[in-house]
Amino acid sequence: TERKVLLVPEGLSGERVDAAIARMLGLSRSRVVELIGD
């Protein structure tokens, strides 16, 4: 596995965490929800 460390930029402040990660890493939201659930 690869560990990513991300700092939330001003433009994403207030976003849901799944939406923010999807936008920062270019992943589908379904994939992010899966990662959070795991």
All heavy atoms as atom14 arrays in JSON, in Angstrom:
{
  "sequence": "TERKVLLVPEGLSGERVDAAIARMLGLSRSRVVELIGD",
  "atom14_mask": [
    [1, 1, 1, 1, 1, 1, 1, 0, 0, 0, 0, 0, 0, 0],
    [1, 1, 1, 1, 1, 1, 1, 1, 1, 0, 0, 0, 0, 0],
    [1, 1, 1, 1, 1, 1, 1, 1, 1, 1, 1, 0, 0, 0],
    [1, 1, 1, 1, 1, 1, 1, 1, 1, 0, 0, 0, 0, 0],
    [1, 1, 1, 1, 1, 1, 1, 0, 0, 0, 0, 0, 0, 0],
    [1, 1, 1, 1, 1, 1, 1, 1, 0, 0, 0, 0, 0, 0],
    [1, 1, 1, 1, 1, 1, 1, 1, 0, 0, 0, 0, 0, 0],
    [1, 1, 1, 1, 1, 1, 1, 0, 0, 0, 0, 0, 0, 0],
    [1, 1, 1, 1, 1, 1, 1, 0, 0, 0, 0, 0, 0, 0],
    [1, 1, 1, 1, 1, 1, 1, 1, 1, 0, 0, 0, 0, 0],
    [1, 1, 1, 1, 0, 0, 0, 0, 0, 0, 0, 0, 0, 0],
    [1, 1, 1, 1, 1, 1, 1, 1, 0, 0, 0, 0, 0, 0],
    [1, 1, 1, 1, 1, 1, 0, 0, 0, 0, 0, 0, 0, 0],
    [1, 1, 1, 1, 0, 0, 0, 0, 0, 0, 0, 0, 0, 0],
    [1, 1, 1, 1, 1, 1, 1, 1, 1, 0, 0, 0, 0, 0],
    [1, 1, 1, 1, 1, 1, 1, 1, 1, 1, 1, 0, 0, 0],
    [1, 1, 1, 1, 1, 1, 1, 0, 0, 0, 0, 0, 0, 0],
    [1, 1, 1, 1, 1, 1, 1, 1, 0, 0, 0, 0, 0, 0],
    [1, 1, 1, 1, 1, 0, 0, 0, 0, 0, 0, 0, 0, 0],
    [1, 1, 1, 1, 1, 0, 0, 0, 0, 0, 0, 0, 0, 0],
    [1, 1, 1, 1, 1, 1, 1, 1, 0, 0, 0, 0, 0, 0],
    [1, 1, 1, 1, 1, 0, 0, 0, 0, 0, 0, 0, 0, 0],
    [1, 1, 1, 1, 1, 1, 1, 1, 1, 1, 1, 0, 0, 0],
    [1, 1, 1, 1, 1, 1, 1, 1, 0, 0, 0, 0, 0, 0],
    [1, 1, 1, 1, 1, 1, 1, 1, 0, 0, 0, 0, 0, 0],
    [1, 1, 1, 1, 0, 0, 0, 0, 0, 0, 0, 0, 0, 0],
    [1, 1, 1, 1, 1, 1, 1, 1, 0, 0, 0, 0, 0, 0],
    [1, 1, 1, 1, 1, 1, 0, 0, 0, 0, 0, 0, 0, 0],
    [1, 1, 1, 1, 1, 1, 1, 1, 1, 1, 1, 0, 0, 0],
    [1, 1, 1, 1, 1, 1, 0, 0, 0, 0, 0, 0, 0, 0],
    [1, 1, 1, 1, 1, 1, 1, 1, 1, 1, 1, 0, 0, 0],
    [1, 1, 1, 1, 1, 1, 1, 0, 0, 0, 0, 0, 0, 0],
    [1, 1, 1, 1, 1, 1, 1, 0, 0, 0, 0, 0, 0, 0],
    [1, 1, 1, 1, 1, 1, 1, 1, 1, 0, 0, 0, 0, 0],
    [1, 1, 1, 1, 1, 1, 1, 1, 0, 0, 0, 0, 0, 0],
    [1, 1, 1, 1, 1, 1, 1, 1, 0, 0, 0, 0, 0, 0],
    [1, 1, 1, 1, 0, 0, 0, 0, 0, 0, 0, 0, 0, 0],
    [1, 1, 1, 1, 1, 1, 1, 1, 0, 0, 0, 0, 0, 0]
  ],
  "atom14_positions": [
    [[0.84, -1.19, 0.0], [0.0, 0.0, 0.0], [0.88, 1.24, 0.0], [2.01, 1.23, 0.48], [-0.92, 0.05, 1.23], [-0.12, 0.13, 2.41], [-1.82, -1.17, 1.3], [0.0, 0.0, 0.0], [0.0, 0.0, 0.0], [0.0, 0.0, 0.0], [0.0, 0.0, 0.0], [0.0, 0.0, 0.0], [0.0, 0.0, 0.0], [0.0, 0.0, 0.0]],
    [[0.34, 2.29, -0.55], [1.04, 3.58, -0.55], [0.28, 4.53, 0.36], [-0.94, 4.64, 0.3], [1.07, 4.14, -1.98], [1.81, 5.46, -2.08], [1.82, 6.01, -3.49], [1.2, 5.39, -4.38], [2.43, 7.09, -3.7], [0.0, 0.0, 0.0], [0.0, 0.0, 0.0], [0.0, 0.0, 0.0], [0.0, 0.0, 0.0], [0.0, 0.0, 0.0]],
    [[1.01, 5.2, 1.22], [0.39, 6.12, 2.18], [0.51, 7.54, 1.66], [1.61, 8.03, 1.4], [1.07, 6.0, 3.54], [0.52, 6.91, 4.63], [1.11, 6.5, 5.97], [0.77, 7.41, 7.03], [1.53, 8.46, 7.39], [2.67, 8.7, 6.74], [1.16, 9.25, 8.37], [0.0, 0.0, 0.0], [0.0, 0.0, 0.0], [0.0, 0.0, 0.0]],
    [[-0.63, 8.19, 1.5], [-0.68, 9.58, 1.04], [-1.03, 10.47, 2.23], [-1.96, 10.19, 2.99], [-1.74, 9.75, -0.05], [-1.49, 8.95, -1.33], [-0.52, 9.68, -2.23], [-0.45, 9.02, -3.59], [0.48, 9.72, -4.5], [0.0, 0.0, 0.0], [0.0, 0.0, 0.0], [0.0, 0.0, 0.0], [0.0, 0.0, 0.0], [0.0, 0.0, 0.0]],
    [[-0.27, 11.55, 2.38], [-0.58, 12.56, 3.4], [-0.95, 13.84, 2.68], [-0.19, 14.37, 1.87], [0.62, 12.79, 4.34], [0.29, 13.89, 5.35], [1.0, 11.5, 5.05], [0.0, 0.0, 0.0], [0.0, 0.0, 0.0], [0.0, 0.0, 0.0], [0.0, 0.0, 0.0], [0.0, 0.0, 0.0], [0.0, 0.0, 0.0], [0.0, 0.0, 0.0]],
    [[-2.17, 14.33, 2.95], [-2.71, 15.48, 2.24], [-3.13, 16.57, 3.22], [-3.72, 16.28, 4.27], [-3.94, 15.06, 1.42], [-3.82, 13.81, 0.54], [-5.2, 13.37, 0.08], [-2.94, 14.11, -0.65], [0.0, 0.0, 0.0], [0.0, 0.0, 0.0], [0.0, 0.0, 0.0], [0.0, 0.0, 0.0], [0.0, 0.0, 0.0], [0.0, 0.0, 0.0]],
    [[-2.84, 17.8, 2.88], [-3.34, 18.94, 3.65], [-4.49, 19.57, 2.89], [-4.38, 19.84, 1.69], [-2.24, 19.97, 3.89], [-1.08, 19.53, 4.79], [-0.05, 20.65, 4.92], [-1.6, 19.12, 6.17], [0.0, 0.0, 0.0], [0.0, 0.0, 0.0], [0.0, 0.0, 0.0], [0.0, 0.0, 0.0], [0.0, 0.0, 0.0], [0.0, 0.0, 0.0]],
    [[-5.6, 19.78, 3.56], [-6.8, 20.29, 2.9], [-6.6, 21.76, 2.51], [-6.33, 22.6, 3.37], [-8.03, 20.16, 3.82], [-9.27, 20.76, 3.16], [-8.26, 18.69, 4.18], [0.0, 0.0, 0.0], [0.0, 0.0, 0.0], [0.0, 0.0, 0.0], [0.0, 0.0, 0.0], [0.0, 0.0, 0.0], [0.0, 0.0, 0.0], [0.0, 0.0, 0.0]],
    [[-6.73, 22.09, 1.21], [-6.58, 23.48, 0.77], [-7.83, 24.29, 1.09], [-8.91, 23.74, 1.35], [-6.38, 23.35, -0.74], [-7.13, 22.11, -1.1], [-6.96, 21.18, 0.06], [0.0, 0.0, 0.0], [0.0, 0.0, 0.0], [0.0, 0.0, 0.0], [0.0, 0.0, 0.0], [0.0, 0.0, 0.0], [0.0, 0.0, 0.0], [0.0, 0.0, 0.0]],
    [[-7.69, 25.59, 1.03], [-8.8, 26.48, 1.36], [-10.03, 26.22, 0.5], [-11.16, 26.28, 0.97], [-8.35, 27.94, 1.2], [-9.4, 28.95, 1.63], [-8.88, 30.38, 1.57], [-7.67, 30.55, 1.34], [-9.67, 31.3, 1.76], [0.0, 0.0, 0.0], [0.0, 0.0, 0.0], [0.0, 0.0, 0.0], [0.0, 0.0, 0.0], [0.0, 0.0, 0.0]],
    [[-9.8, 25.9, -0.78], [-10.91, 25.71, -1.7], [-11.79, 24.52, -1.4], [-12.91, 24.43, -1.9], [0.0, 0.0, 0.0], [0.0, 0.0, 0.0], [0.0, 0.0, 0.0], [0.0, 0.0, 0.0], [0.0, 0.0, 0.0], [0.0, 0.0, 0.0], [0.0, 0.0, 0.0], [0.0, 0.0, 0.0], [0.0, 0.0, 0.0], [0.0, 0.0, 0.0]],
    [[-11.31, 23.58, -0.56], [-12.11, 22.4, -0.22], [-12.62, 22.44, 1.22], [-13.26, 21.49, 1.66], [-11.27, 21.13, -0.43], [-10.9, 20.79, -1.87], [-10.09, 19.5, -1.93], [-12.14, 20.68, -2.75], [0.0, 0.0, 0.0], [0.0, 0.0, 0.0], [0.0, 0.0, 0.0], [0.0, 0.0, 0.0], [0.0, 0.0, 0.0], [0.0, 0.0, 0.0]],
    [[-12.35, 23.51, 1.92], [-12.81, 23.62, 3.3], [-14.34, 23.53, 3.35], [-15.03, 24.19, 2.58], [-12.35, 24.94, 3.91], [-12.73, 25.02, 5.27], [0.0, 0.0, 0.0], [0.0, 0.0, 0.0], [0.0, 0.0, 0.0], [0.0, 0.0, 0.0], [0.0, 0.0, 0.0], [0.0, 0.0, 0.0], [0.0, 0.0, 0.0], [0.0, 0.0, 0.0]],
    [[-14.84, 22.7, 4.25], [-16.28, 22.52, 4.39], [-16.85, 21.38, 3.55], [-18.0, 21.0, 3.73], [0.0, 0.0, 0.0], [0.0, 0.0, 0.0], [0.0, 0.0, 0.0], [0.0, 0.0, 0.0], [0.0, 0.0, 0.0], [0.0, 0.0, 0.0], [0.0, 0.0, 0.0], [0.0, 0.0, 0.0], [0.0, 0.0, 0.0], [0.0, 0.0, 0.0]],
    [[-16.04, 20.8, 2.66], [-16.5, 19.69, 1.83], [-16.59, 18.41, 2.67], [-15.89, 18.25, 3.67], [-15.52, 19.43, 0.67], [-15.59, 20.47, -0.44], [-16.67, 20.14, -1.46], [-17.45, 19.19, -1.23], [-16.72, 20.84, -2.48], [0.0, 0.0, 0.0], [0.0, 0.0, 0.0], [0.0, 0.0, 0.0], [0.0, 0.0, 0.0], [0.0, 0.0, 0.0]],
    [[-17.44, 17.48, 2.24], [-17.42, 16.15, 2.83], [-16.07, 15.52, 2.56], [-15.46, 15.75, 1.52], [-18.54, 15.29, 2.23], [-19.91, 15.56, 2.81], [-20.96, 14.79, 2.05], [-20.61, 13.4, 1.83], [-21.42, 12.37, 2.1], [-22.6, 12.6, 2.62], [-21.05, 11.13, 1.82], [0.0, 0.0, 0.0], [0.0, 0.0, 0.0], [0.0, 0.0, 0.0]],
    [[-15.63, 14.69, 3.49], [-14.29, 14.11, 3.36], [-14.17, 13.21, 2.14], [-13.14, 13.19, 1.47], [-13.9, 13.35, 4.66], [-14.75, 12.12, 4.86], [-12.43, 13.01, 4.64], [0.0, 0.0, 0.0], [0.0, 0.0, 0.0], [0.0, 0.0, 0.0], [0.0, 0.0, 0.0], [0.0, 0.0, 0.0], [0.0, 0.0, 0.0], [0.0, 0.0, 0.0]],
    [[-15.25, 12.47, 1.79], [-15.15, 11.6, 0.61], [-15.0, 12.41, -0.67], [-14.22, 12.07, -1.57], [-16.33, 10.64, 0.53], [-17.68, 11.32, 0.56], [-17.74, 12.53, 0.86], [-18.69, 10.64, 0.29], [0.0, 0.0, 0.0], [0.0, 0.0, 0.0], [0.0, 0.0, 0.0], [0.0, 0.0, 0.0], [0.0, 0.0, 0.0], [0.0, 0.0, 0.0]],
    [[-15.74, 13.54, -0.75], [-15.64, 14.4, -1.93], [-14.27, 15.06, -2.02], [-13.68, 15.17, -3.09], [-16.74, 15.45, -1.91], [0.0, 0.0, 0.0], [0.0, 0.0, 0.0], [0.0, 0.0, 0.0], [0.0, 0.0, 0.0], [0.0, 0.0, 0.0], [0.0, 0.0, 0.0], [0.0, 0.0, 0.0], [0.0, 0.0, 0.0], [0.0, 0.0, 0.0]],
    [[-13.73, 15.51, -0.88], [-12.44, 16.19, -0.86], [-11.32, 15.25, -1.31], [-10.47, 15.61, -2.14], [-12.14, 16.73, 0.53], [0.0, 0.0, 0.0], [0.0, 0.0, 0.0], [0.0, 0.0, 0.0], [0.0, 0.0, 0.0], [0.0, 0.0, 0.0], [0.0, 0.0, 0.0], [0.0, 0.0, 0.0], [0.0, 0.0, 0.0], [0.0, 0.0, 0.0]],
    [[-11.31, 14.03, -0.78], [-10.26, 13.07, -1.16], [-10.39, 12.7, -2.63], [-9.38, 12.58, -3.35], [-10.32, 11.83, -0.27], [-9.96, 12.2, 1.18], [-9.37, 10.74, -0.78], [-10.16, 11.08, 2.17], [0.0, 0.0, 0.0], [0.0, 0.0, 0.0], [0.0, 0.0, 0.0], [0.0, 0.0, 0.0], [0.0, 0.0, 0.0], [0.0, 0.0, 0.0]],
    [[-11.61, 12.5, -3.09], [-11.83, 12.15, -4.5], [-11.25, 13.21, -5.41], [-10.6, 12.91, -6.43], [-13.33, 11.97, -4.77], [0.0, 0.0, 0.0], [0.0, 0.0, 0.0], [0.0, 0.0, 0.0], [0.0, 0.0, 0.0], [0.0, 0.0, 0.0], [0.0, 0.0, 0.0], [0.0, 0.0, 0.0], [0.0, 0.0, 0.0], [0.0, 0.0, 0.0]],
    [[-11.44, 14.48, -5.06], [-10.94, 15.56, -5.89], [-9.42, 15.69, -5.8], [-8.74, 15.94, -6.79], [-11.62, 16.88, -5.51], [-13.09, 16.91, -5.87], [-13.78, 18.17, -5.41], [-13.28, 19.35, -6.1], [-13.71, 20.58, -5.87], [-14.64, 20.8, -4.96], [-13.2, 21.6, -6.53], [0.0, 0.0, 0.0], [0.0, 0.0, 0.0], [0.0, 0.0, 0.0]],
    [[-8.85, 15.5, -4.61], [-7.4, 15.67, -4.44], [-6.6, 14.52, -5.06], [-5.5, 14.74, -5.56], [-7.06, 15.82, -2.96], [-7.42, 17.2, -2.39], [-6.74, 17.47, -0.73], [-7.87, 16.54, 0.26], [0.0, 0.0, 0.0], [0.0, 0.0, 0.0], [0.0, 0.0, 0.0], [0.0, 0.0, 0.0], [0.0, 0.0, 0.0], [0.0, 0.0, 0.0]],
    [[-7.17, 13.31, -5.04], [-6.42, 12.15, -5.53], [-6.92, 11.64, -6.88], [-6.34, 10.72, -7.45], [-6.49, 11.0, -4.51], [-5.75, 11.23, -3.19], [-5.87, 10.01, -2.29], [-4.28, 11.55, -3.44], [0.0, 0.0, 0.0], [0.0, 0.0, 0.0], [0.0, 0.0, 0.0], [0.0, 0.0, 0.0], [0.0, 0.0, 0.0], [0.0, 0.0, 0.0]],
    [[-7.99, 12.24, -7.4], [-8.51, 11.8, -8.69], [-9.14, 10.43, -8.63], [-9.16, 9.7, -9.63], [0.0, 0.0, 0.0], [0.0, 0.0, 0.0], [0.0, 0.0, 0.0], [0.0, 0.0, 0.0], [0.0, 0.0, 0.0], [0.0, 0.0, 0.0], [0.0, 0.0, 0.0], [0.0, 0.0, 0.0], [0.0, 0.0, 0.0], [0.0, 0.0, 0.0]],
    [[-9.71, 10.05, -7.49], [-10.38, 8.77, -7.33], [-11.88, 8.96, -7.46], [-12.41, 10.06, -7.28], [-10.08, 8.17, -5.95], [-8.62, 7.9, -5.61], [-8.5, 7.46, -4.15], [-8.05, 6.83, -6.53], [0.0, 0.0, 0.0], [0.0, 0.0, 0.0], [0.0, 0.0, 0.0], [0.0, 0.0, 0.0], [0.0, 0.0, 0.0], [0.0, 0.0, 0.0]],
    [[-12.59, 7.87, -7.77], [-14.05, 7.94, -7.76], [-14.5, 8.02, -6.31], [-13.83, 7.52, -5.4], [-14.65, 6.7, -8.42], [-14.42, 5.55, -7.62], [0.0, 0.0, 0.0], [0.0, 0.0, 0.0], [0.0, 0.0, 0.0], [0.0, 0.0, 0.0], [0.0, 0.0, 0.0], [0.0, 0.0, 0.0], [0.0, 0.0, 0.0], [0.0, 0.0, 0.0]],
    [[-15.65, 8.65, -6.08], [-16.14, 8.75, -4.71], [-16.45, 7.37, -4.13], [-16.24, 7.14, -2.94], [-17.39, 9.65, -4.65], [-17.85, 9.88, -3.23], [-18.99, 10.85, -3.12], [-18.56, 12.2, -3.41], [-19.35, 13.27, -3.23], [-20.57, 13.11, -2.77], [-18.91, 14.47, -3.53], [0.0, 0.0, 0.0], [0.0, 0.0, 0.0], [0.0, 0.0, 0.0]],
    [[-16.93, 6.46, -4.97], [-17.21, 5.1, -4.5], [-15.95, 4.45, -3.94], [-15.99, 3.77, -2.91], [-17.78, 4.25, -5.63], [-19.0, 4.76, -6.09], [0.0, 0.0, 0.0], [0.0, 0.0, 0.0], [0.0, 0.0, 0.0], [0.0, 0.0, 0.0], [0.0, 0.0, 0.0], [0.0, 0.0, 0.0], [0.0, 0.0, 0.0], [0.0, 0.0, 0.0]],
    [[-14.82, 4.67, -4.62], [-13.55, 4.1, -4.16], [-13.15, 4.71, -2.82], [-12.69, 4.0, -1.91], [-12.47, 4.35, -5.21], [-11.05, 3.95, -4.8], [-10.92, 2.48, -4.52], [-9.55, 2.12, -4.17], [-9.22, 1.12, -3.38], [-10.14, 0.36, -2.85], [-7.94, 0.87, -3.13], [0.0, 0.0, 0.0], [0.0, 0.0, 0.0], [0.0, 0.0, 0.0]],
    [[-13.34, 6.02, -2.66], [-12.97, 6.69, -1.41], [-13.85, 6.18, -0.27], [-13.37, 5.92, 0.84], [-13.1, 8.22, -1.55], [-12.82, 8.89, -0.22], [-12.13, 8.74, -2.61], [0.0, 0.0, 0.0], [0.0, 0.0, 0.0], [0.0, 0.0, 0.0], [0.0, 0.0, 0.0], [0.0, 0.0, 0.0], [0.0, 0.0, 0.0], [0.0, 0.0, 0.0]],
    [[-15.16, 6.03, -0.54], [-16.07, 5.51, 0.49], [-15.63, 4.12, 0.93], [-15.66, 3.77, 2.12], [-17.52, 5.48, -0.04], [-18.42, 4.7, 0.91], [-18.04, 6.9, -0.23], [0.0, 0.0, 0.0], [0.0, 0.0, 0.0], [0.0, 0.0, 0.0], [0.0, 0.0, 0.0], [0.0, 0.0, 0.0], [0.0, 0.0, 0.0], [0.0, 0.0, 0.0]],
    [[-15.19, 3.32, -0.02], [-14.68, 1.98, 0.28], [-13.45, 2.06, 1.19], [-13.33, 1.31, 2.17], [-14.33, 1.29, -1.04], [-13.78, -0.11, -0.91], [-13.39, -0.65, -2.28], [-14.23, -0.64, -3.18], [-12.22, -1.06, -2.42], [0.0, 0.0, 0.0], [0.0, 0.0, 0.0], [0.0, 0.0, 0.0], [0.0, 0.0, 0.0], [0.0, 0.0, 0.0]],
    [[-12.53, 2.97, 0.89], [-11.32, 3.13, 1.71], [-11.67, 3.58, 3.12], [-11.1, 3.08, 4.1], [-10.38, 4.14, 1.06], [-9.7, 3.71, -0.25], [-9.0, 4.89, -0.9], [-8.7, 2.58, 0.02], [0.0, 0.0, 0.0], [0.0, 0.0, 0.0], [0.0, 0.0, 0.0], [0.0, 0.0, 0.0], [0.0, 0.0, 0.0], [0.0, 0.0, 0.0]],
    [[-12.62, 4.52, 3.23], [-13.03, 4.99, 4.55], [-13.65, 3.85, 5.34], [-13.35, 3.64, 6.53], [-14.01, 6.17, 4.42], [-13.3, 7.4, 3.82], [-14.62, 6.53, 5.78], [-14.22, 8.54, 3.46], [0.0, 0.0, 0.0], [0.0, 0.0, 0.0], [0.0, 0.0, 0.0], [0.0, 0.0, 0.0], [0.0, 0.0, 0.0], [0.0, 0.0, 0.0]],
    [[-14.53, 3.08, 4.68], [-15.18, 1.96, 5.35], [-14.22, 0.9, 5.82], [-14.46, 0.23, 6.84], [0.0, 0.0, 0.0], [0.0, 0.0, 0.0], [0.0, 0.0, 0.0], [0.0, 0.0, 0.0], [0.0, 0.0, 0.0], [0.0, 0.0, 0.0], [0.0, 0.0, 0.0], [0.0, 0.0, 0.0], [0.0, 0.0, 0.0], [0.0, 0.0, 0.0]],
    [[-13.11, 0.74, 5.1], [-12.1, -0.25, 5.47], [-11.09, 0.29, 6.49], [-10.13, -0.4, 6.85], [-11.34, -0.73, 4.23], [-12.22, -1.6, 3.33], [-13.25, -2.09, 3.81], [-11.87, -1.77, 2.15], [0.0, 0.0, 0.0], [0.0, 0.0, 0.0], [0.0, 0.0, 0.0], [0.0, 0.0, 0.0], [0.0, 0.0, 0.0], [0.0, 0.0, 0.0]]
  ]
}
